[in-house]
Amino acid sequence: PALSVERDAANARVTEILSSCESTQQSLSSNVDESKKETARLIAEKRDAIESLSAERDAANDRVAELLSRCERTEQALSSLTSNVEESKREIARLLEEKK
């Protein structure tokens, strides 16, 4: 009879431990699922931010390329104007010389 009581108490304790383990396992499983969802959300959020920043970078690069092209055209026009001014100065000097 005493062994039976001890056995019953041990079985009750084992059942209690198993129940606690199952509860812990369910809690851990739930936490893992929640962590996976949160990780997926964060990854999607970061991916969207990267895509947005990449689009902004590409737009900025296009604008820089456009400005560089305009600068080159402006430099060419300025060079041409400078050349025309020098040619005009020579022509004026020649005409003044002829007038003397």
Protein backbone atom coordinates (compact mmCIF):
# COMPACT_ATOMS: atom_id res chain seq x y z
CA PRO A 1 0.00 0.00 0.00
CA ALA A 2 2.77 2.51 0.84
CA LEU A 3 4.50 1.75 -2.47
CA SER A 4 1.21 2.20 -4.25
CA VAL A 5 0.81 5.66 -2.72
CA GLU A 6 4.38 6.57 -3.66
CA ARG A 7 3.83 5.22 -7.17
CA ASP A 8 0.62 7.22 -7.53
CA ALA A 9 2.36 10.36 -6.26
CA ALA A 10 5.28 9.78 -8.67
CA ASN A 11 2.84 9.22 -11.55
CA ALA A 12 0.98 12.40 -10.63
CA ARG A 13 4.29 14.29 -10.57
CA VAL A 14 5.29 12.84 -13.95
CA THR A 15 1.91 13.84 -15.37
CA GLU A 16 2.36 17.32 -13.94
CA ILE A 17 5.86 17.58 -15.44
CA LEU A 18 4.64 16.32 -18.82
CA SER A 19 1.80 18.84 -18.77
CA SER A 20 4.25 21.61 -17.92
CA CYS A 21 6.55 20.48 -20.74
CA GLU A 22 3.67 20.44 -23.23
CA SER A 23 2.62 23.92 -22.12
CA THR A 24 6.20 25.17 -22.47
CA GLN A 25 6.50 23.54 -25.88
CA GLN A 26 3.27 25.20 -27.06
CA SER A 27 4.45 28.54 -25.73
CA LEU A 28 7.83 28.17 -27.46
CA SER A 29 6.14 27.12 -30.68
CA SER A 30 3.87 30.15 -30.51
CA ASN A 31 6.87 32.40 -29.85
CA VAL A 32 8.74 30.89 -32.80
CA ASP A 33 5.74 31.48 -35.07
CA GLU A 34 5.42 35.06 -33.85
CA SER A 35 9.16 35.61 -34.36
CA LYS A 36 8.94 34.25 -37.90
CA LYS A 37 6.04 36.59 -38.69
CA GLU A 38 7.88 39.57 -37.20
CA THR A 39 11.06 38.66 -39.09
CA ALA A 40 9.14 38.38 -42.36
CA ARG A 41 7.48 41.75 -41.68
CA LEU A 42 10.83 43.40 -40.94
CA ILE A 43 12.43 41.87 -44.02
CA ALA A 44 9.58 43.14 -46.20
CA GLU A 45 9.83 46.57 -44.58
CA LYS A 46 13.59 46.73 -45.15
CA ARG A 47 13.21 45.46 -48.72
CA ASP A 48 10.66 48.21 -49.43
CA ALA A 49 13.02 50.81 -47.93
CA ILE A 50 15.90 49.51 -50.05
CA GLU A 51 13.77 49.60 -53.20
CA SER A 52 12.62 53.12 -52.41
CA LEU A 53 16.17 54.31 -51.73
CA SER A 54 17.39 52.60 -54.90
CA ALA A 55 14.72 54.40 -56.91
CA GLU A 56 15.71 57.72 -55.32
CA ARG A 57 19.38 57.01 -56.03
CA ASP A 58 18.61 56.16 -59.66
CA ALA A 59 16.58 59.36 -60.06
CA ALA A 60 19.40 61.39 -58.51
CA ASN A 61 21.95 59.72 -60.81
CA ASP A 62 19.76 60.54 -63.82
CA ARG A 63 19.53 64.17 -62.68
CA VAL A 64 23.32 64.36 -62.21
CA ALA A 65 23.85 62.90 -65.69
CA GLU A 66 21.43 65.45 -67.12
CA LEU A 67 23.20 68.32 -65.34
CA LEU A 68 26.62 67.10 -66.48
CA SER A 69 25.36 66.97 -70.05
CA ARG A 70 24.02 70.52 -69.75
CA CYS A 71 27.36 71.66 -68.32
CA GLU A 72 29.19 70.12 -71.26
CA ARG A 73 26.86 71.84 -73.73
CA THR A 74 27.30 75.13 -71.84
CA GLU A 75 31.09 74.75 -71.92
CA GLN A 76 30.95 74.08 -75.65
CA ALA A 77 28.74 77.12 -76.24
CA LEU A 78 31.04 79.28 -74.07
CA SER A 79 34.08 78.06 -75.94
CA SER A 80 32.37 78.86 -79.23
CA LEU A 81 31.37 82.32 -78.01
CA THR A 82 34.90 82.98 -76.73
CA SER A 83 36.26 81.96 -80.11
CA ASN A 84 33.76 84.27 -81.85
CA VAL A 85 34.72 87.15 -79.55
CA GLU A 86 38.41 86.64 -80.30
CA GLU A 87 37.68 86.51 -84.02
CA SER A 88 35.57 89.67 -83.74
CA LYS A 89 38.39 91.45 -81.87
CA ARG A 90 40.82 90.52 -84.63
CA GLU A 91 38.38 91.69 -87.28
CA ILE A 92 37.82 95.01 -85.46
CA ALA A 93 41.56 95.49 -85.07
CA ARG A 94 42.06 94.75 -88.78
CA LEU A 95 39.31 97.20 -89.77
CA LEU A 96 40.76 99.87 -87.47
CA GLU A 97 44.15 99.29 -88.98
CA GLU A 98 42.72 99.63 -92.50
CA LYS A 99 41.00 102.87 -91.53
CA LYS A 100 44.32 104.49 -90.56
